[in-house]
Each structure stands twice: as structure tokens, then as C-alpha cells.
């Protein structure tokens, strides 16, 4: 794990910036892996349903590790993010070639852009991403996912992300990243290192032929309590002719 930090002045307020690179320690059934997933994930914990978790007042890491398929609903509301953790940039890159696979950043004027709108904003906006990759993506071995995010007024203890990938409701891979303690009013940059296992030809063909049936849930915890839940689905048939 490599880390570095620096501080800067923004708008008269001291803002600390930090960067961190980490690998998933693996969690749940099949350990390690990457965003494309790997074959043969097995959930060795007693399974739990989405409906069971929606009845709970607080959801823990052990709870989501027992899910056997992607959720249909979000397991917490946007208001659960009392720490005002805001993701402002995201980039995927192939660590072997250095090629940037995907990159998106939130506009600095995002809040101003939404002021004065005559419609009710979607409370789940920004919680779902749809990716379209080429079949070549499934052959990648190591991918880095860089996220940049800001912290609000409260300190963040034991910040942790568990990301689970499924295909046809079969668990492919489960990843576990621990960010640790984060200081209020900071801007942080962290890169998750995903190590992809080799997929079988049959797995690749099925994932290519069934766009967006590969899905993921990203669960974010502070002090072992769920405070954010993001979702994504994936297609791997980009650039293929119909």
C-alpha cells in the first residue's frame, strides 16, 4: 500500500488532500478479482435476502456479504450519508498498458446548475452507472479504479467499501477495500487495484451475449454501518456489429 498527502488552500479554507493506492483483500465467497468478475464465486456465509435487510434499522458489512444476488432496490436512502461524502471524479485504467478505459468528473458548477430547476430532482441521481465496454475488457488482468471524493463536517471512521459483482444472479466476485480514518473537510484520491482472474471462453461469450446482465452493488460503510449504496450494470459488446 502506497500513500502520500499534501495540503492546499481553497477559498480561504485549508483543505487537506491525500492519495492512496490499495488492493482488495477479498471478502465473501470467491476472493480477490476485478470489476469484470471471475468464474465460480461461492458464498460460504448463511444467505440473506434483500427483503430481510430492508427490514433492519442498520445494515453491516456481514449482512451484505450474505447476499446471493444483486439487489433490486437501494438498501439505504441518500439521507443516510450524514458525512456528506461526495464522489467527484472516477477513472478506470488498464495497469498493464496504462490506457484509460473510462473517466468521468462532476462539474464544479454542479450545485449551481441544479438551482432554480422547476422539477423535483431524482433522489437516486448519481447512484447508478451503466458501463459499455468492448469484449477485450474481459481479457484484462489488472485494472485500477481511481476515485476522488470530498468529506463534509464530520470525521469518518472505518470507511469501507464492499463491491459485489454478479452475472445472471450468480456471484462472480466480492471485493473489500478499507480506507480507514478520514479527516473532515478533506479531498481524497484513492485507487483500488482489481486483479482479474482468467475467465473461461464460455463465461466471456455469455457475458458478451447478455449485455447488462452483469451487475454490481457497491456498499459504503462508516464504523460498520451502511451509509451509501451505488449500483451499476455492464455490457461487453461494444464495437460489435449487429
Protein backbone atom coordinates (compact mmCIF):
# COMPACT_ATOMS: atom_id res chain seq x y z
CA UNK A 1 0.00 0.00 0.00
CA UNK A 2 1.43 3.34 -1.07
CA UNK A 3 0.17 6.63 0.29
CA UNK A 4 1.04 10.30 0.19
CA UNK A 5 -0.62 13.50 1.31
CA UNK A 6 -0.43 17.24 0.85
CA UNK A 7 -2.47 20.28 1.81
CA UNK A 8 -3.61 23.31 -0.13
CA UNK A 9 -5.71 26.45 0.27
CA UNK A 10 -9.10 26.66 -1.40
CA UNK A 11 -11.36 29.67 -0.96
CA UNK A 12 -9.57 30.69 2.23
CA UNK A 13 -10.22 27.30 3.87
CA UNK A 14 -7.48 24.80 4.48
CA UNK A 15 -8.25 21.63 2.54
CA UNK A 16 -6.15 18.53 3.07
CA UNK A 17 -5.58 16.30 0.06
CA UNK A 18 -4.49 12.70 0.28
CA UNK A 19 -3.89 9.88 -2.14
CA UNK A 20 -3.86 6.16 -1.52
CA UNK A 21 -3.37 3.04 -3.60
CA UNK A 22 -4.70 -0.27 -2.34
CA UNK A 23 -5.61 -3.78 -3.39
CA UNK A 24 -8.76 -5.60 -2.46
CA UNK A 25 -8.23 -8.01 0.40
CA UNK A 26 -11.10 -10.11 -0.88
CA UNK A 27 -14.22 -10.98 1.04
CA UNK A 28 -17.14 -13.32 0.97
CA UNK A 29 -17.12 -16.46 -1.15
CA UNK A 30 -14.70 -16.00 -4.04
CA UNK A 31 -11.85 -13.77 -3.00
CA UNK A 32 -9.95 -11.13 -4.94
CA UNK A 33 -10.67 -10.42 -8.61
CA UNK A 34 -11.91 -7.43 -10.53
CA UNK A 35 -14.76 -5.46 -12.00
CA UNK A 36 -15.28 -7.99 -14.78
CA UNK A 37 -15.67 -10.66 -12.16
CA UNK A 38 -14.35 -14.19 -12.12
CA UNK A 39 -15.94 -17.55 -12.55
CA UNK A 40 -17.17 -19.73 -9.75
CA UNK A 41 -17.88 -17.35 -6.85
CA UNK A 42 -19.27 -19.17 -3.81
CA UNK A 43 -20.99 -17.54 -0.85
CA UNK A 44 -19.91 -19.54 2.20
CA UNK A 45 -21.95 -17.48 4.66
CA UNK A 46 -25.57 -18.15 5.50
CA UNK A 47 -27.53 -16.39 2.74
CA UNK A 48 -29.84 -13.46 3.38
CA UNK A 49 -32.38 -11.79 1.11
CA UNK A 50 -32.74 -8.17 0.12
CA UNK A 51 -36.14 -8.15 1.80
CA UNK A 52 -34.58 -9.31 5.07
CA UNK A 53 -32.07 -6.45 5.03
CA UNK A 54 -34.64 -3.79 4.18
CA UNK A 55 -36.37 -4.59 7.47
CA UNK A 56 -33.26 -3.80 9.51
CA UNK A 57 -32.56 -0.45 11.15
CA UNK A 58 -28.85 -0.73 10.37
CA UNK A 59 -27.01 -2.86 7.85
CA UNK A 60 -23.47 -4.12 8.48
CA UNK A 61 -20.71 -5.50 6.25
CA UNK A 62 -21.52 -9.05 7.33
CA UNK A 63 -25.10 -8.51 6.14
CA UNK A 64 -24.23 -7.60 2.55
CA UNK A 65 -21.64 -10.37 2.34
CA UNK A 66 -24.51 -12.82 2.72
CA UNK A 67 -26.42 -11.58 -0.33
CA UNK A 68 -26.54 -14.16 -3.11
CA UNK A 69 -27.66 -11.84 -5.92
CA UNK A 70 -27.71 -8.17 -6.89
CA UNK A 71 -30.36 -6.09 -5.17
CA UNK A 72 -33.33 -4.58 -6.98
CA UNK A 73 -33.66 -1.69 -4.54
CA UNK A 74 -31.21 0.53 -2.69
CA UNK A 75 -30.58 -0.68 0.86
CA UNK A 76 -30.27 2.83 2.30
CA UNK A 77 -31.58 6.28 1.43
CA UNK A 78 -29.35 9.15 0.22
CA UNK A 79 -30.02 10.80 3.59
CA UNK A 80 -28.04 8.02 5.31
CA UNK A 81 -24.88 9.74 4.06
CA UNK A 82 -24.68 12.13 7.01
CA UNK A 83 -20.95 12.54 6.38
CA UNK A 84 -21.60 14.27 3.04
CA UNK A 85 -19.15 12.02 1.23
CA UNK A 86 -19.30 13.22 -2.37
CA UNK A 87 -17.61 11.42 -5.27
CA UNK A 88 -16.40 14.00 -7.77
CA UNK A 89 -14.16 12.01 -10.16
CA UNK A 90 -13.81 8.41 -11.30
CA UNK A 91 -11.30 6.81 -13.69
CA UNK A 92 -10.63 3.25 -14.83
CA UNK A 93 -7.26 2.37 -16.32
CA UNK A 94 -5.52 -0.77 -17.51
CA UNK A 95 -2.44 -1.05 -15.32
CA UNK A 96 -0.55 -3.15 -17.88
CA UNK A 97 -0.86 -0.72 -20.80
CA UNK A 98 -1.71 2.49 -18.93
CA UNK A 99 -4.72 3.04 -21.22
CA UNK A 100 -7.64 4.97 -19.71
CA UNK A 101 -10.78 2.86 -20.10
CA UNK A 102 -13.35 5.23 -18.61
CA UNK A 103 -13.28 8.63 -16.93
CA UNK A 104 -15.94 10.98 -15.61
CA UNK A 105 -15.87 14.04 -13.34
CA UNK A 106 -18.57 16.11 -11.68
CA UNK A 107 -18.71 19.71 -12.79
CA UNK A 108 -17.52 22.32 -10.28
CA UNK A 109 -20.81 24.12 -11.00
CA UNK A 110 -22.96 21.03 -10.38
CA UNK A 111 -24.87 22.56 -7.46
CA UNK A 112 -25.40 25.85 -9.27
CA UNK A 113 -26.53 24.02 -12.41
CA UNK A 114 -29.39 22.40 -10.46
CA UNK A 115 -30.53 25.55 -8.68
CA UNK A 116 -33.77 27.09 -9.88
CA UNK A 117 -34.98 23.95 -11.65
CA UNK A 118 -38.78 23.68 -11.85
CA UNK A 119 -38.77 19.91 -11.35
CA UNK A 120 -38.18 17.65 -8.36
CA UNK A 121 -34.62 16.27 -8.56
CA UNK A 122 -34.21 12.49 -8.61
CA UNK A 123 -33.04 11.47 -5.11
CA UNK A 124 -31.16 8.50 -6.63
CA UNK A 125 -29.34 10.54 -9.26
CA UNK A 126 -25.68 9.65 -9.28
CA UNK A 127 -26.23 6.29 -7.59
CA UNK A 128 -26.39 4.23 -10.77
CA UNK A 129 -23.91 3.88 -13.66
CA UNK A 130 -24.29 1.91 -16.89
CA UNK A 131 -20.99 0.86 -18.49
CA UNK A 132 -20.41 -0.30 -22.05
CA UNK A 133 -17.06 -1.93 -22.74
CA UNK A 134 -15.65 -3.92 -25.63
CA UNK A 135 -15.12 -7.70 -25.37
CA UNK A 136 -11.41 -7.00 -24.89
CA UNK A 137 -12.17 -5.69 -21.40
CA UNK A 138 -12.89 -9.24 -20.23
CA UNK A 139 -9.32 -10.23 -21.09
CA UNK A 140 -7.69 -7.57 -18.90
CA UNK A 141 -5.66 -8.78 -15.92
CA UNK A 142 -5.25 -5.74 -13.67
CA UNK A 143 -7.34 -2.57 -13.60
CA UNK A 144 -7.02 0.49 -11.37
CA UNK A 145 -10.14 2.42 -10.35
CA UNK A 146 -9.30 5.92 -9.13
CA UNK A 147 -11.94 7.77 -7.13
CA UNK A 148 -11.74 11.32 -5.84
CA UNK A 149 -14.15 12.38 -3.13
CA UNK A 150 -14.72 15.05 -0.50
CA UNK A 151 -15.69 14.76 3.16
CA UNK A 152 -18.14 17.04 4.99
CA UNK A 153 -18.15 18.36 8.57
CA UNK A 154 -17.92 15.02 10.39
CA UNK A 155 -14.92 12.75 10.83
CA UNK A 156 -15.18 9.41 9.09
CA UNK A 157 -14.10 6.30 11.00
CA UNK A 158 -13.51 2.91 9.41
CA UNK A 159 -14.57 3.93 5.91
CA UNK A 160 -15.00 0.72 3.96
CA UNK A 161 -16.35 -0.33 0.58
CA UNK A 162 -17.63 -3.78 -0.32
CA UNK A 163 -18.30 -4.28 -4.01
CA UNK A 164 -20.07 -7.40 -5.27
CA UNK A 165 -20.40 -8.43 -8.92
CA UNK A 166 -22.98 -10.83 -10.31
CA UNK A 167 -23.88 -12.38 -13.64
CA UNK A 168 -27.36 -13.89 -14.02
CA UNK A 169 -27.71 -13.62 -10.22
CA UNK A 170 -24.56 -15.69 -9.73
CA UNK A 171 -21.89 -14.14 -7.53
CA UNK A 172 -18.76 -13.60 -9.61
CA UNK A 173 -16.51 -11.71 -7.23
CA UNK A 174 -16.62 -9.79 -3.98
CA UNK A 175 -14.08 -7.06 -3.19
CA UNK A 176 -13.32 -5.39 0.12
CA UNK A 177 -11.44 -2.08 0.47
CA UNK A 178 -10.77 -0.40 3.81
CA UNK A 179 -9.98 3.33 3.68
CA UNK A 180 -9.63 3.80 7.43
CA UNK A 181 -9.97 7.20 9.11
CA UNK A 182 -10.68 10.35 7.09
CA UNK A 183 -10.46 13.93 8.32
CA UNK A 184 -13.38 16.36 7.87
CA UNK A 185 -13.18 18.88 5.02
CA UNK A 186 -10.70 16.82 3.02
CA UNK A 187 -10.42 15.90 -0.63
CA UNK A 188 -9.15 12.36 -1.06
CA UNK A 189 -7.91 10.40 -4.06
CA UNK A 190 -7.72 6.62 -3.84
CA UNK A 191 -7.01 3.94 -6.40
CA UNK A 192 -8.47 0.44 -5.98
CA UNK A 193 -6.42 -2.26 -7.64
CA UNK A 194 -8.54 -5.01 -9.19
CA UNK A 195 -6.72 -8.20 -10.16
CA UNK A 196 -8.80 -10.05 -12.72
CA UNK A 197 -8.77 -13.86 -12.84
CA UNK A 198 -8.79 -15.52 -16.22
CA UNK A 199 -12.32 -16.06 -17.48
CA UNK A 200 -13.34 -19.16 -19.38
CA UNK A 201 -14.33 -18.78 -23.04
CA UNK A 202 -17.88 -19.80 -22.14
CA UNK A 203 -18.11 -17.13 -19.40
CA UNK A 204 -16.87 -14.47 -21.81
CA UNK A 205 -19.28 -15.47 -24.55
CA UNK A 206 -22.26 -15.48 -22.19
CA UNK A 207 -21.36 -12.08 -20.72
CA UNK A 208 -20.93 -10.60 -24.21
CA UNK A 209 -24.19 -12.10 -25.47
CA UNK A 210 -26.16 -10.85 -22.44
CA UNK A 211 -25.48 -7.12 -22.12
CA UNK A 212 -26.29 -5.52 -18.76
CA UNK A 213 -26.96 -8.87 -17.11
CA UNK A 214 -23.65 -8.33 -15.32
CA UNK A 215 -24.47 -6.15 -12.32
CA UNK A 216 -22.76 -4.82 -9.24
CA UNK A 217 -23.62 -3.35 -5.85
CA UNK A 218 -21.17 -1.03 -4.11
CA UNK A 219 -21.79 -0.69 -0.38
CA UNK A 220 -20.06 2.02 1.68
CA UNK A 221 -19.78 1.80 5.45
CA UNK A 222 -18.66 4.13 8.23
CA UNK A 223 -17.95 2.44 11.55
CA UNK A 224 -19.58 -0.75 10.19
CA UNK A 225 -22.91 0.93 9.32
CA UNK A 226 -24.14 1.22 5.71
CA UNK A 227 -24.31 4.88 4.63
CA UNK A 228 -24.18 4.66 0.82
CA UNK A 229 -25.27 2.16 -1.82
CA UNK A 230 -24.46 2.55 -5.51
CA UNK A 231 -25.36 0.24 -8.38
CA UNK A 232 -24.05 -0.46 -11.89
CA UNK A 233 -24.58 -2.77 -14.83
CA UNK A 234 -22.21 -3.72 -17.62
CA UNK A 235 -22.19 -4.55 -21.31
CA UNK A 236 -19.19 -6.07 -23.06
CA UNK A 237 -20.41 -5.96 -26.67
CA UNK A 238 -19.15 -2.50 -27.62
CA UNK A 239 -17.96 -2.12 -31.24
CA UNK A 240 -19.59 -5.39 -32.27
CA UNK A 241 -21.68 -5.26 -35.43
CA UNK A 242 -25.28 -6.34 -35.18
